[in-house]
N, C-alpha and C. Protein backbone atom coordinates (compact mmCIF):
# COMPACT_ATOMS: atom_id res chain seq x y z
N MET A 1 -23.14 27.53 -71.01
CA MET A 1 -22.71 27.35 -69.64
C MET A 1 -23.28 26.06 -69.05
N LYS A 2 -24.56 25.78 -69.39
CA LYS A 2 -25.19 24.56 -68.89
C LYS A 2 -24.49 23.33 -69.43
N ILE A 3 -24.10 23.39 -70.69
CA ILE A 3 -23.42 22.25 -71.32
C ILE A 3 -22.07 22.02 -70.65
N ARG A 4 -21.38 23.10 -70.32
CA ARG A 4 -20.08 22.96 -69.67
C ARG A 4 -20.22 22.33 -68.29
N LYS A 5 -21.20 22.76 -67.51
CA LYS A 5 -21.43 22.18 -66.17
C LYS A 5 -21.82 20.72 -66.29
N MET A 6 -22.65 20.40 -67.30
CA MET A 6 -23.07 19.02 -67.51
C MET A 6 -21.87 18.16 -67.89
N TRP A 7 -21.00 18.70 -68.75
CA TRP A 7 -19.82 17.96 -69.18
C TRP A 7 -18.88 17.73 -67.99
N LEU A 8 -18.65 18.74 -67.16
CA LEU A 8 -17.80 18.60 -65.98
C LEU A 8 -18.38 17.59 -65.00
N SER A 9 -19.69 17.60 -64.83
CA SER A 9 -20.34 16.64 -63.94
C SER A 9 -20.15 15.22 -64.45
N SER A 10 -20.31 15.02 -65.78
CA SER A 10 -20.14 13.67 -66.31
C SER A 10 -18.71 13.20 -66.19
N VAL A 11 -17.74 14.08 -66.40
CA VAL A 11 -16.34 13.69 -66.25
C VAL A 11 -16.06 13.33 -64.80
N LEU A 12 -16.57 14.11 -63.87
CA LEU A 12 -16.37 13.82 -62.46
C LEU A 12 -16.97 12.47 -62.07
N VAL A 13 -18.19 12.21 -62.49
CA VAL A 13 -18.83 10.92 -62.19
C VAL A 13 -18.03 9.79 -62.82
N PHE A 14 -17.57 9.97 -64.05
CA PHE A 14 -16.78 8.96 -64.75
C PHE A 14 -15.50 8.65 -63.96
N LEU A 15 -14.78 9.71 -63.54
CA LEU A 15 -13.54 9.51 -62.80
C LEU A 15 -13.77 8.83 -61.47
N ILE A 16 -14.79 9.23 -60.75
CA ILE A 16 -15.10 8.61 -59.46
C ILE A 16 -15.45 7.14 -59.65
N PHE A 17 -16.27 6.86 -60.62
CA PHE A 17 -16.71 5.49 -60.85
C PHE A 17 -15.54 4.57 -61.21
N PHE A 18 -14.70 4.99 -62.14
CA PHE A 18 -13.62 4.13 -62.59
C PHE A 18 -12.43 4.11 -61.65
N SER A 19 -12.19 5.18 -60.93
CA SER A 19 -11.08 5.15 -59.98
C SER A 19 -11.42 4.30 -58.77
N SER A 20 -12.67 4.27 -58.36
CA SER A 20 -13.04 3.46 -57.19
C SER A 20 -13.05 1.99 -57.53
N SER A 21 -13.31 1.63 -58.78
CA SER A 21 -13.34 0.22 -59.13
C SER A 21 -11.94 -0.36 -59.26
N THR A 22 -10.92 0.47 -59.40
CA THR A 22 -9.55 -0.04 -59.51
C THR A 22 -8.94 -0.31 -58.14
N ILE A 23 -9.55 0.19 -57.08
CA ILE A 23 -9.04 -0.06 -55.73
C ILE A 23 -9.63 -1.38 -55.27
N TYR A 24 -8.80 -2.39 -55.19
CA TYR A 24 -9.30 -3.71 -54.82
C TYR A 24 -8.69 -4.24 -53.53
N GLU A 25 -7.72 -3.53 -52.99
CA GLU A 25 -7.09 -4.00 -51.77
C GLU A 25 -6.70 -2.81 -50.91
N ALA A 26 -6.93 -2.93 -49.62
CA ALA A 26 -6.53 -1.87 -48.70
C ALA A 26 -5.88 -2.51 -47.49
N ASN A 27 -4.83 -1.91 -47.01
CA ASN A 27 -4.13 -2.42 -45.83
C ASN A 27 -4.00 -1.32 -44.80
N ALA A 28 -4.16 -1.69 -43.54
CA ALA A 28 -3.92 -0.73 -42.47
C ALA A 28 -2.42 -0.53 -42.33
N HIS A 29 -2.02 0.66 -41.92
CA HIS A 29 -0.59 0.86 -41.74
C HIS A 29 -0.16 0.19 -40.45
N SER A 30 1.06 -0.32 -40.46
CA SER A 30 1.56 -0.94 -39.25
C SER A 30 1.96 0.18 -38.29
N LEU A 31 1.85 -0.10 -37.04
CA LEU A 31 2.20 0.89 -36.04
C LEU A 31 3.69 1.19 -36.09
N PHE A 32 4.05 2.39 -35.69
CA PHE A 32 5.44 2.82 -35.73
C PHE A 32 6.31 1.90 -34.87
N ASN A 33 5.90 1.63 -33.67
CA ASN A 33 6.65 0.78 -32.76
C ASN A 33 6.16 -0.66 -32.84
N SER A 34 6.01 -1.18 -34.03
CA SER A 34 5.61 -2.58 -34.17
C SER A 34 6.69 -3.32 -34.94
N ALA A 35 6.85 -4.58 -34.59
CA ALA A 35 7.84 -5.41 -35.26
C ALA A 35 7.44 -6.86 -35.10
N GLU A 36 8.05 -7.70 -35.89
CA GLU A 36 7.81 -9.13 -35.76
C GLU A 36 9.08 -9.87 -36.12
N SER A 37 9.19 -11.05 -35.56
CA SER A 37 10.37 -11.86 -35.81
C SER A 37 9.97 -13.33 -35.72
N THR A 38 10.56 -14.13 -36.60
CA THR A 38 10.32 -15.57 -36.60
C THR A 38 11.62 -16.27 -36.26
N ILE A 39 11.57 -17.09 -35.24
CA ILE A 39 12.70 -17.93 -34.86
C ILE A 39 12.13 -19.33 -34.64
N GLY A 40 12.74 -20.31 -35.27
CA GLY A 40 12.24 -21.68 -35.12
C GLY A 40 10.84 -21.79 -35.70
N GLU A 41 9.94 -22.35 -34.94
CA GLU A 41 8.57 -22.59 -35.40
C GLU A 41 7.60 -21.48 -35.00
N PHE A 42 8.09 -20.42 -34.36
CA PHE A 42 7.17 -19.42 -33.82
C PHE A 42 7.52 -18.02 -34.29
N ARG A 43 6.49 -17.21 -34.36
CA ARG A 43 6.61 -15.81 -34.76
C ARG A 43 6.03 -14.96 -33.64
N VAL A 44 6.76 -13.95 -33.23
CA VAL A 44 6.32 -13.03 -32.18
C VAL A 44 6.17 -11.65 -32.80
N GLN A 45 5.05 -11.00 -32.50
CA GLN A 45 4.80 -9.63 -32.94
C GLN A 45 4.65 -8.77 -31.69
N ILE A 46 5.21 -7.57 -31.75
CA ILE A 46 5.11 -6.63 -30.63
C ILE A 46 4.66 -5.28 -31.19
N ALA A 47 3.88 -4.56 -30.39
CA ALA A 47 3.46 -3.20 -30.75
C ALA A 47 3.21 -2.44 -29.47
N THR A 48 3.17 -1.12 -29.57
CA THR A 48 2.85 -0.29 -28.42
C THR A 48 1.65 0.59 -28.74
N LEU A 49 0.88 0.87 -27.73
CA LEU A 49 -0.20 1.85 -27.81
C LEU A 49 0.03 2.87 -26.72
N PRO A 50 0.15 4.12 -27.02
CA PRO A 50 0.14 4.75 -28.33
C PRO A 50 1.36 4.32 -29.15
N GLU A 51 1.35 4.68 -30.42
CA GLU A 51 2.43 4.27 -31.31
C GLU A 51 3.79 4.69 -30.79
N ILE A 52 3.88 5.93 -30.35
CA ILE A 52 5.13 6.43 -29.77
C ILE A 52 4.84 6.79 -28.31
N PRO A 53 5.17 5.91 -27.38
CA PRO A 53 4.86 6.17 -25.98
C PRO A 53 5.63 7.38 -25.44
N SER A 54 5.00 8.09 -24.53
CA SER A 54 5.65 9.21 -23.85
C SER A 54 6.17 8.73 -22.50
N THR A 55 7.27 9.32 -22.08
CA THR A 55 7.85 8.95 -20.80
C THR A 55 6.93 9.41 -19.67
N GLY A 56 6.84 8.60 -18.64
CA GLY A 56 6.04 8.94 -17.47
C GLY A 56 4.55 8.71 -17.63
N GLU A 57 4.12 8.23 -18.79
CA GLU A 57 2.69 7.97 -19.02
C GLU A 57 2.48 6.49 -19.30
N LYS A 58 1.32 5.99 -18.90
CA LYS A 58 1.01 4.57 -19.09
C LYS A 58 0.84 4.26 -20.57
N SER A 59 1.51 3.20 -21.00
CA SER A 59 1.40 2.70 -22.38
C SER A 59 1.04 1.23 -22.31
N GLN A 60 0.65 0.67 -23.43
CA GLN A 60 0.37 -0.76 -23.49
C GLN A 60 1.38 -1.43 -24.40
N ILE A 61 1.89 -2.56 -23.95
CA ILE A 61 2.74 -3.42 -24.76
C ILE A 61 1.84 -4.56 -25.23
N LEU A 62 1.76 -4.73 -26.54
CA LEU A 62 0.89 -5.75 -27.14
C LEU A 62 1.77 -6.84 -27.75
N LEU A 63 1.50 -8.09 -27.40
CA LEU A 63 2.24 -9.22 -27.95
C LEU A 63 1.28 -10.19 -28.63
N ARG A 64 1.77 -10.80 -29.69
CA ARG A 64 1.01 -11.85 -30.37
C ARG A 64 1.99 -12.94 -30.74
N VAL A 65 1.63 -14.18 -30.44
CA VAL A 65 2.50 -15.32 -30.73
C VAL A 65 1.74 -16.25 -31.67
N THR A 66 2.38 -16.56 -32.81
CA THR A 66 1.77 -17.44 -33.80
C THR A 66 2.79 -18.50 -34.23
N ASP A 67 2.29 -19.50 -34.95
CA ASP A 67 3.20 -20.45 -35.57
C ASP A 67 3.62 -19.90 -36.93
N ARG A 68 4.36 -20.66 -37.69
CA ARG A 68 4.84 -20.18 -39.00
C ARG A 68 3.70 -19.92 -39.98
N ASP A 69 2.55 -20.60 -39.79
CA ASP A 69 1.40 -20.42 -40.68
C ASP A 69 0.48 -19.31 -40.20
N LEU A 70 0.93 -18.52 -39.23
CA LEU A 70 0.20 -17.39 -38.66
C LEU A 70 -1.04 -17.81 -37.87
N ASN A 71 -1.08 -19.04 -37.41
CA ASN A 71 -2.15 -19.49 -36.52
C ASN A 71 -1.71 -19.20 -35.09
N GLU A 72 -2.57 -18.56 -34.32
CA GLU A 72 -2.21 -18.23 -32.95
C GLU A 72 -2.02 -19.49 -32.12
N VAL A 73 -1.05 -19.44 -31.23
CA VAL A 73 -0.82 -20.58 -30.34
C VAL A 73 -1.92 -20.62 -29.29
N ASP A 74 -2.15 -21.79 -28.73
CA ASP A 74 -3.19 -21.93 -27.71
C ASP A 74 -2.74 -21.41 -26.35
N ARG A 75 -1.44 -21.53 -26.09
CA ARG A 75 -0.93 -21.15 -24.77
C ARG A 75 0.57 -20.89 -24.90
N PHE A 76 1.06 -19.91 -24.17
CA PHE A 76 2.50 -19.64 -24.18
C PHE A 76 2.93 -19.05 -22.85
N THR A 77 4.22 -19.23 -22.56
CA THR A 77 4.82 -18.64 -21.37
C THR A 77 5.85 -17.63 -21.84
N VAL A 78 5.73 -16.41 -21.33
CA VAL A 78 6.61 -15.33 -21.79
C VAL A 78 7.13 -14.52 -20.61
N GLY A 79 8.37 -14.08 -20.75
CA GLY A 79 8.98 -13.14 -19.83
C GLY A 79 9.64 -12.06 -20.66
N ILE A 80 9.76 -10.86 -20.12
CA ILE A 80 10.34 -9.75 -20.88
C ILE A 80 11.45 -9.09 -20.07
N ARG A 81 12.56 -8.85 -20.73
CA ARG A 81 13.65 -8.08 -20.14
C ARG A 81 13.80 -6.80 -20.96
N ILE A 82 13.86 -5.66 -20.27
CA ILE A 82 13.89 -4.36 -20.95
C ILE A 82 15.24 -3.69 -20.66
N PHE A 83 15.90 -3.28 -21.75
CA PHE A 83 17.22 -2.67 -21.64
C PHE A 83 17.18 -1.24 -22.17
N PHE A 84 18.00 -0.39 -21.55
CA PHE A 84 18.17 0.99 -22.01
C PHE A 84 19.66 1.32 -21.91
N ASN A 85 20.26 1.75 -23.01
CA ASN A 85 21.71 2.03 -23.06
C ASN A 85 22.54 0.85 -22.57
N GLY A 86 22.14 -0.35 -22.93
CA GLY A 86 22.91 -1.54 -22.58
C GLY A 86 22.69 -2.06 -21.17
N GLU A 87 21.91 -1.37 -20.37
CA GLU A 87 21.66 -1.81 -19.00
C GLU A 87 20.23 -2.32 -18.88
N GLU A 88 20.06 -3.40 -18.14
CA GLU A 88 18.71 -3.91 -17.90
C GLU A 88 18.02 -2.99 -16.89
N VAL A 89 16.89 -2.40 -17.31
CA VAL A 89 16.20 -1.44 -16.45
C VAL A 89 14.92 -2.01 -15.84
N ASP A 90 14.39 -3.08 -16.42
CA ASP A 90 13.15 -3.65 -15.90
C ASP A 90 12.96 -5.07 -16.42
N THR A 91 12.16 -5.83 -15.71
CA THR A 91 11.81 -7.18 -16.16
C THR A 91 10.34 -7.43 -15.87
N ILE A 92 9.76 -8.24 -16.70
CA ILE A 92 8.42 -8.76 -16.44
C ILE A 92 8.62 -10.26 -16.31
N PRO A 93 8.39 -10.81 -15.12
CA PRO A 93 8.69 -12.23 -14.90
C PRO A 93 7.85 -13.15 -15.80
N PRO A 94 8.34 -14.34 -16.05
CA PRO A 94 7.61 -15.28 -16.91
C PRO A 94 6.19 -15.53 -16.39
N GLN A 95 5.24 -15.50 -17.34
CA GLN A 95 3.84 -15.73 -17.02
C GLN A 95 3.24 -16.61 -18.10
N ILE A 96 2.27 -17.43 -17.71
CA ILE A 96 1.58 -18.29 -18.66
C ILE A 96 0.33 -17.56 -19.15
N HIS A 97 0.12 -17.59 -20.48
CA HIS A 97 -1.03 -16.90 -21.08
C HIS A 97 -1.76 -17.86 -22.00
N ASP A 98 -3.08 -17.89 -21.87
CA ASP A 98 -3.91 -18.68 -22.77
C ASP A 98 -4.23 -17.83 -23.99
N GLY A 99 -4.20 -18.45 -25.16
CA GLY A 99 -4.46 -17.72 -26.40
C GLY A 99 -3.18 -17.12 -26.94
N GLY A 100 -3.27 -16.53 -28.12
CA GLY A 100 -2.09 -16.01 -28.79
C GLY A 100 -1.82 -14.54 -28.54
N HIS A 101 -2.69 -13.85 -27.78
CA HIS A 101 -2.51 -12.41 -27.53
C HIS A 101 -2.22 -12.18 -26.05
N TRP A 102 -1.44 -11.14 -25.79
CA TRP A 102 -1.23 -10.68 -24.43
C TRP A 102 -0.90 -9.20 -24.48
N GLN A 103 -1.46 -8.46 -23.55
CA GLN A 103 -1.12 -7.04 -23.44
C GLN A 103 -0.92 -6.70 -21.98
N THR A 104 -0.03 -5.77 -21.76
CA THR A 104 0.26 -5.34 -20.39
C THR A 104 0.53 -3.84 -20.39
N ASP A 105 0.24 -3.21 -19.29
CA ASP A 105 0.52 -1.78 -19.13
C ASP A 105 1.97 -1.61 -18.71
N TYR A 106 2.58 -0.55 -19.20
CA TYR A 106 3.97 -0.28 -18.84
C TYR A 106 4.20 1.22 -18.90
N VAL A 107 5.03 1.72 -17.97
CA VAL A 107 5.39 3.15 -17.95
C VAL A 107 6.88 3.25 -18.23
N PHE A 108 7.22 3.93 -19.32
CA PHE A 108 8.63 4.15 -19.67
C PHE A 108 9.13 5.33 -18.85
N GLN A 109 10.31 5.16 -18.25
CA GLN A 109 10.87 6.21 -17.40
C GLN A 109 11.81 7.14 -18.14
N ARG A 110 12.42 6.65 -19.24
CA ARG A 110 13.41 7.44 -19.97
C ARG A 110 13.02 7.56 -21.43
N SER A 111 13.40 8.66 -22.03
CA SER A 111 13.15 8.89 -23.44
C SER A 111 14.29 8.29 -24.26
N GLY A 112 13.94 7.65 -25.36
CA GLY A 112 14.96 7.08 -26.24
C GLY A 112 14.59 5.68 -26.68
N ASN A 113 15.58 4.93 -27.11
CA ASN A 113 15.38 3.59 -27.64
C ASN A 113 15.56 2.54 -26.55
N HIS A 114 14.54 1.71 -26.37
CA HIS A 114 14.58 0.61 -25.41
C HIS A 114 14.68 -0.71 -26.18
N ILE A 115 15.42 -1.63 -25.66
CA ILE A 115 15.54 -2.96 -26.26
C ILE A 115 14.69 -3.92 -25.42
N PHE A 116 13.73 -4.56 -26.08
CA PHE A 116 12.89 -5.55 -25.42
C PHE A 116 13.37 -6.93 -25.83
N ARG A 117 13.73 -7.74 -24.85
CA ARG A 117 14.08 -9.14 -25.11
C ARG A 117 12.92 -9.99 -24.61
N ILE A 118 12.20 -10.55 -25.57
CA ILE A 118 11.02 -11.36 -25.27
C ILE A 118 11.47 -12.81 -25.20
N ASP A 119 11.32 -13.44 -24.03
CA ASP A 119 11.71 -14.83 -23.83
C ASP A 119 10.48 -15.72 -23.86
N LEU A 120 10.42 -16.62 -24.86
CA LEU A 120 9.36 -17.63 -24.91
C LEU A 120 9.92 -18.91 -24.30
N TYR A 121 9.21 -19.45 -23.34
CA TYR A 121 9.67 -20.63 -22.61
C TYR A 121 8.96 -21.88 -23.12
N ASP A 122 9.71 -22.98 -23.18
CA ASP A 122 9.19 -24.32 -23.51
C ASP A 122 8.39 -24.35 -24.80
N VAL A 123 8.86 -23.65 -25.82
CA VAL A 123 8.15 -23.69 -27.09
C VAL A 123 8.90 -24.48 -28.15
N SER A 124 10.18 -24.65 -27.96
CA SER A 124 10.93 -25.42 -28.95
C SER A 124 10.74 -26.91 -28.70
N LYS A 125 11.15 -27.71 -29.66
CA LYS A 125 10.98 -29.17 -29.55
C LYS A 125 11.68 -29.72 -28.32
N TYR A 126 12.80 -29.11 -27.96
CA TYR A 126 13.62 -29.64 -26.88
C TYR A 126 13.48 -28.85 -25.59
N GLY A 127 12.46 -28.02 -25.49
CA GLY A 127 12.29 -27.19 -24.31
C GLY A 127 13.22 -26.00 -24.40
N GLY A 128 13.47 -25.36 -23.30
CA GLY A 128 14.38 -24.22 -23.31
C GLY A 128 13.67 -22.92 -23.62
N VAL A 129 14.48 -21.91 -23.93
CA VAL A 129 13.98 -20.55 -24.13
C VAL A 129 14.41 -20.06 -25.51
N ILE A 130 13.48 -19.40 -26.19
CA ILE A 130 13.79 -18.71 -27.44
C ILE A 130 13.63 -17.22 -27.15
N THR A 131 14.67 -16.44 -27.47
CA THR A 131 14.65 -15.00 -27.18
C THR A 131 14.52 -14.21 -28.48
N TYR A 132 13.53 -13.31 -28.50
CA TYR A 132 13.29 -12.40 -29.60
C TYR A 132 13.69 -11.00 -29.13
N THR A 133 14.34 -10.22 -29.99
CA THR A 133 14.81 -8.89 -29.61
C THR A 133 14.12 -7.84 -30.48
N PHE A 134 13.57 -6.80 -29.82
CA PHE A 134 12.86 -5.74 -30.52
C PHE A 134 13.29 -4.38 -29.97
N ASN A 135 13.26 -3.37 -30.83
CA ASN A 135 13.50 -1.98 -30.42
C ASN A 135 12.16 -1.29 -30.22
N VAL A 136 12.05 -0.55 -29.13
CA VAL A 136 10.85 0.25 -28.86
C VAL A 136 11.32 1.66 -28.52
N SER A 137 10.85 2.65 -29.29
CA SER A 137 11.27 4.04 -29.07
C SER A 137 10.22 4.79 -28.26
N THR A 138 10.72 5.70 -27.44
CA THR A 138 9.82 6.56 -26.65
C THR A 138 10.24 8.01 -26.88
N GLN A 139 9.39 8.90 -26.45
CA GLN A 139 9.72 10.32 -26.53
C GLN A 139 9.26 10.99 -25.25
N ASN A 140 9.86 12.11 -24.96
CA ASN A 140 9.38 12.87 -23.81
C ASN A 140 8.21 13.73 -24.26
N PRO A 141 7.44 14.27 -23.33
CA PRO A 141 6.27 15.06 -23.72
C PRO A 141 6.60 16.24 -24.63
N PHE A 142 7.84 16.72 -24.63
CA PHE A 142 8.20 17.84 -25.49
C PHE A 142 8.32 17.41 -26.94
N GLY A 143 8.29 16.11 -27.21
CA GLY A 143 8.33 15.62 -28.58
C GLY A 143 7.10 16.03 -29.37
N TYR A 144 6.02 16.37 -28.69
CA TYR A 144 4.81 16.79 -29.38
C TYR A 144 4.98 18.17 -30.03
N ILE A 145 5.96 18.93 -29.59
CA ILE A 145 6.21 20.23 -30.19
C ILE A 145 6.49 20.06 -31.68
N PHE A 146 7.20 19.00 -32.05
CA PHE A 146 7.48 18.72 -33.46
C PHE A 146 6.18 18.51 -34.23
N ILE A 147 5.28 17.73 -33.68
CA ILE A 147 4.00 17.46 -34.35
C ILE A 147 3.20 18.76 -34.48
N TYR A 148 3.14 19.55 -33.42
CA TYR A 148 2.39 20.81 -33.45
C TYR A 148 2.99 21.78 -34.47
N SER A 149 4.31 21.79 -34.60
CA SER A 149 4.93 22.70 -35.57
C SER A 149 4.61 22.28 -37.00
N ILE A 150 4.51 21.00 -37.26
CA ILE A 150 4.11 20.52 -38.60
C ILE A 150 2.67 20.94 -38.88
N VAL A 151 1.78 20.77 -37.91
CA VAL A 151 0.39 21.16 -38.09
C VAL A 151 0.28 22.67 -38.31
N ALA A 152 0.99 23.44 -37.51
CA ALA A 152 0.95 24.91 -37.66
C ALA A 152 1.47 25.33 -39.02
N GLY A 153 2.53 24.70 -39.51
CA GLY A 153 3.05 25.01 -40.84
C GLY A 153 2.04 24.68 -41.93
N SER A 154 1.34 23.55 -41.78
CA SER A 154 0.33 23.16 -42.77
C SER A 154 -0.84 24.14 -42.78
N VAL A 155 -1.27 24.55 -41.60
CA VAL A 155 -2.37 25.52 -41.51
C VAL A 155 -1.94 26.85 -42.11
N GLY A 156 -0.72 27.27 -41.83
CA GLY A 156 -0.21 28.52 -42.41
C GLY A 156 -0.13 28.44 -43.93
N PHE A 157 0.33 27.31 -44.46
CA PHE A 157 0.40 27.13 -45.91
C PHE A 157 -1.00 27.18 -46.53
N ALA A 158 -1.96 26.50 -45.90
CA ALA A 158 -3.34 26.52 -46.41
C ALA A 158 -3.92 27.93 -46.37
N THR A 159 -3.61 28.69 -45.32
CA THR A 159 -4.09 30.07 -45.21
C THR A 159 -3.53 30.94 -46.33
N ILE A 160 -2.25 30.79 -46.61
CA ILE A 160 -1.64 31.58 -47.69
C ILE A 160 -2.25 31.22 -49.03
N LEU A 161 -2.44 29.91 -49.30
CA LEU A 161 -3.07 29.50 -50.54
C LEU A 161 -4.50 30.05 -50.65
N GLY A 162 -5.23 29.98 -49.55
CA GLY A 162 -6.58 30.52 -49.54
C GLY A 162 -6.60 32.02 -49.79
N TYR A 163 -5.67 32.74 -49.22
CA TYR A 163 -5.57 34.19 -49.40
C TYR A 163 -5.27 34.55 -50.85
N ILE A 164 -4.48 33.72 -51.50
CA ILE A 164 -4.11 33.99 -52.89
C ILE A 164 -5.24 33.59 -53.85
N TYR A 165 -5.78 32.39 -53.70
CA TYR A 165 -6.70 31.85 -54.70
C TYR A 165 -8.18 32.09 -54.41
N LEU A 166 -8.58 32.25 -53.17
CA LEU A 166 -9.99 32.42 -52.84
C LEU A 166 -10.58 33.68 -53.47
N PRO A 167 -9.90 34.84 -53.44
CA PRO A 167 -10.48 36.02 -54.10
C PRO A 167 -10.68 35.81 -55.60
N LYS A 168 -9.76 35.11 -56.25
CA LYS A 168 -9.91 34.85 -57.68
C LYS A 168 -11.13 33.99 -57.96
N ILE A 169 -11.34 32.99 -57.12
CA ILE A 169 -12.50 32.09 -57.30
C ILE A 169 -13.79 32.86 -57.06
N LEU A 170 -13.82 33.68 -56.02
CA LEU A 170 -15.04 34.44 -55.72
C LEU A 170 -15.33 35.47 -56.81
N ARG A 171 -14.31 36.14 -57.35
CA ARG A 171 -14.51 37.10 -58.43
C ARG A 171 -15.04 36.42 -59.68
N SER A 172 -14.55 35.24 -60.00
CA SER A 172 -15.00 34.55 -61.20
C SER A 172 -16.44 34.08 -61.03
N ARG A 173 -16.88 33.77 -59.85
CA ARG A 173 -18.27 33.35 -59.63
C ARG A 173 -19.24 34.52 -59.66
N THR A 174 -18.80 35.66 -59.18
CA THR A 174 -19.69 36.83 -59.18
C THR A 174 -19.86 37.42 -60.57
N LYS A 175 -18.89 37.21 -61.46
CA LYS A 175 -18.98 37.71 -62.82
C LYS A 175 -20.01 36.93 -63.65
N SER A 176 -20.20 35.63 -63.36
CA SER A 176 -21.09 34.82 -64.18
C SER A 176 -22.51 34.82 -63.71
């Protein structure tokens, strides 16, 4: 019995050691409501916090403006037009921002897909406006019922597995 435990311990240590050395790169997952687009010499990235905003609650819109080499710009002027079902529902007037990041608070009034048209001003060689278009989805507070039902199903599945296999494991330990 001692030899078997020793052998299992060595196999476990071996697997942990060699499996961890093969992991050489890790990436964070991109947010659900994140996107990026490159037009001309500039790239705009947008994201929301929380990932899926709820209607009637404050969310953050995060913007990042870089050049093609992913270097943040020193300064940019941006305005945002927000559309829902083809109608313009809100605007954020053009503002000048120092640095490549900007975030603003926003409250979505309707559940569904919103179209954000991000207007960058005076960034092209000839002046003018470059417009980037992004989709941002929202949900109403009842959307959390879906998440809770997935969690409840997982807990129920784990309980059933535990009910089936836990007695077998306990019986095998008490016999030895």
